Amino acid sequence: MYVSGGLTDWSLNDNNQMIFNPEQGQYECTLSLKQGWYNYEYVFLKDGDTEVTSARFEGNHYETENDYLILIYYRSSRDRYDRVLGTKITNTLNRLSY
């Protein structure tokens, strides 16, 4: 198990490998980071493999259904407000669209 992402330059090495702590019953990793926002994920690399997977921790949500509300606005250079020109509700699985 590794912590991977922008904070580790998307590489896997001993510095970002998570080690199981039997006393706590959890995997742990210590990284020295500067203050800020970081993009990261937990990934698993099976011994002997070269391809990592995050599905073990994150799940696989490629069929997740999402609804979107689309609002189209217009503001004239003379106005102090936005006008709604149109709206649309759509669904990623196209079950709902009006």
Protein backbone atom coordinates (compact mmCIF):
# COMPACT_ATOMS: atom_id res chain seq x y z
CA MET A 1 0.00 0.00 0.00
CA TYR A 2 1.22 3.47 -0.89
CA VAL A 3 0.20 7.10 -0.60
CA SER A 4 0.39 8.34 -4.17
CA GLY A 5 -0.32 11.63 -5.85
CA GLY A 6 1.00 15.10 -6.48
CA LEU A 7 2.67 15.13 -3.07
CA THR A 8 4.85 12.13 -4.04
CA ASP A 9 5.21 13.09 -7.72
CA TRP A 10 3.00 10.03 -8.48
CA SER A 11 5.90 7.70 -7.71
CA LEU A 12 5.99 4.62 -5.49
CA ASN A 13 9.01 4.16 -3.24
CA ASP A 14 9.99 3.38 0.34
CA ASN A 15 9.21 6.98 1.42
CA ASN A 16 5.50 6.72 0.67
CA GLN A 17 4.93 3.02 1.36
CA MET A 18 2.42 2.36 4.13
CA ILE A 19 3.45 -0.11 6.84
CA PHE A 20 0.95 -2.11 8.89
CA ASN A 21 0.98 -1.25 12.61
CA PRO A 22 -0.38 -4.34 14.43
CA GLU A 23 -0.83 -2.44 17.72
CA GLN A 24 -3.15 0.09 16.07
CA GLY A 25 -4.57 -2.35 13.52
CA GLN A 26 -3.97 0.08 10.66
CA TYR A 27 -1.54 1.03 7.90
CA GLU A 28 0.60 4.11 8.50
CA CYS A 29 2.95 6.35 6.57
CA THR A 30 4.82 9.47 7.68
CA LEU A 31 5.57 12.15 5.09
CA SER A 32 7.14 15.56 5.59
CA LEU A 33 4.96 18.05 3.72
CA LYS A 34 4.76 21.79 3.34
CA GLN A 35 1.51 23.47 4.30
CA GLY A 36 -0.96 23.46 1.44
CA TRP A 37 -3.44 21.43 -0.60
CA TYR A 38 -2.43 18.03 -1.90
CA ASN A 39 -3.94 15.66 -4.43
CA TYR A 40 -3.42 12.09 -3.25
CA GLU A 41 -4.94 8.63 -3.10
CA TYR A 42 -4.22 5.28 -1.50
CA VAL A 43 -3.06 2.69 -4.01
CA PHE A 44 -2.21 -1.00 -3.85
CA LEU A 45 0.66 -2.64 -5.71
CA LYS A 46 0.66 -6.43 -5.61
CA ASP A 47 4.10 -8.05 -5.29
CA GLY A 48 5.50 -8.69 -8.77
CA ASP A 49 2.97 -6.43 -10.53
CA THR A 50 3.74 -3.15 -12.24
CA GLU A 51 0.19 -1.75 -12.31
CA VAL A 52 -1.32 -0.11 -9.23
CA THR A 53 -4.99 0.00 -8.33
CA SER A 54 -6.98 2.33 -6.10
CA ALA A 55 -10.27 0.43 -6.53
CA ARG A 56 -9.50 -1.65 -3.43
CA PHE A 57 -9.86 1.50 -1.28
CA GLU A 58 -11.87 3.93 -3.36
CA GLY A 59 -14.22 1.52 -5.08
CA ASN A 60 -15.11 1.65 -8.74
CA HIS A 61 -17.77 4.21 -9.52
CA TYR A 62 -17.68 4.32 -13.30
CA GLU A 63 -21.42 3.56 -13.49
CA THR A 64 -22.39 6.17 -10.91
CA GLU A 65 -25.49 8.09 -11.88
CA ASN A 66 -25.35 11.89 -11.62
CA ASP A 67 -27.94 14.59 -12.20
CA TYR A 68 -26.85 17.99 -13.51
CA LEU A 69 -28.68 21.31 -13.52
CA ILE A 70 -27.39 23.57 -16.29
CA LEU A 71 -28.15 27.29 -16.05
CA ILE A 72 -27.31 29.66 -18.92
CA TYR A 73 -26.78 33.25 -17.83
CA TYR A 74 -26.30 36.51 -19.71
CA ARG A 75 -25.23 39.89 -18.39
CA SER A 76 -25.24 42.96 -20.57
CA SER A 77 -22.42 45.43 -20.04
CA ARG A 78 -25.08 48.00 -18.96
CA ASP A 79 -26.90 45.73 -16.49
CA ARG A 80 -26.16 45.06 -12.84
CA TYR A 81 -27.80 41.65 -12.83
CA ASP A 82 -27.67 38.34 -14.64
CA ARG A 83 -30.51 37.05 -16.80
CA VAL A 84 -31.31 33.37 -16.94
CA LEU A 85 -31.71 32.51 -20.62
CA GLY A 86 -32.24 28.81 -20.24
CA THR A 87 -32.15 25.81 -17.97
CA LYS A 88 -31.67 22.10 -18.53
CA ILE A 89 -31.65 19.12 -16.20
CA THR A 90 -29.83 16.09 -17.50
CA ASN A 91 -28.70 12.74 -16.20
CA THR A 92 -25.48 10.86 -16.97
CA LEU A 93 -27.46 7.73 -17.78
CA ASN A 94 -29.96 9.74 -19.87
CA ARG A 95 -32.87 8.42 -17.82
CA LEU A 96 -34.00 11.90 -16.97
CA SER A 97 -33.85 14.88 -19.31
CA TYR A 98 -36.24 17.81 -19.39
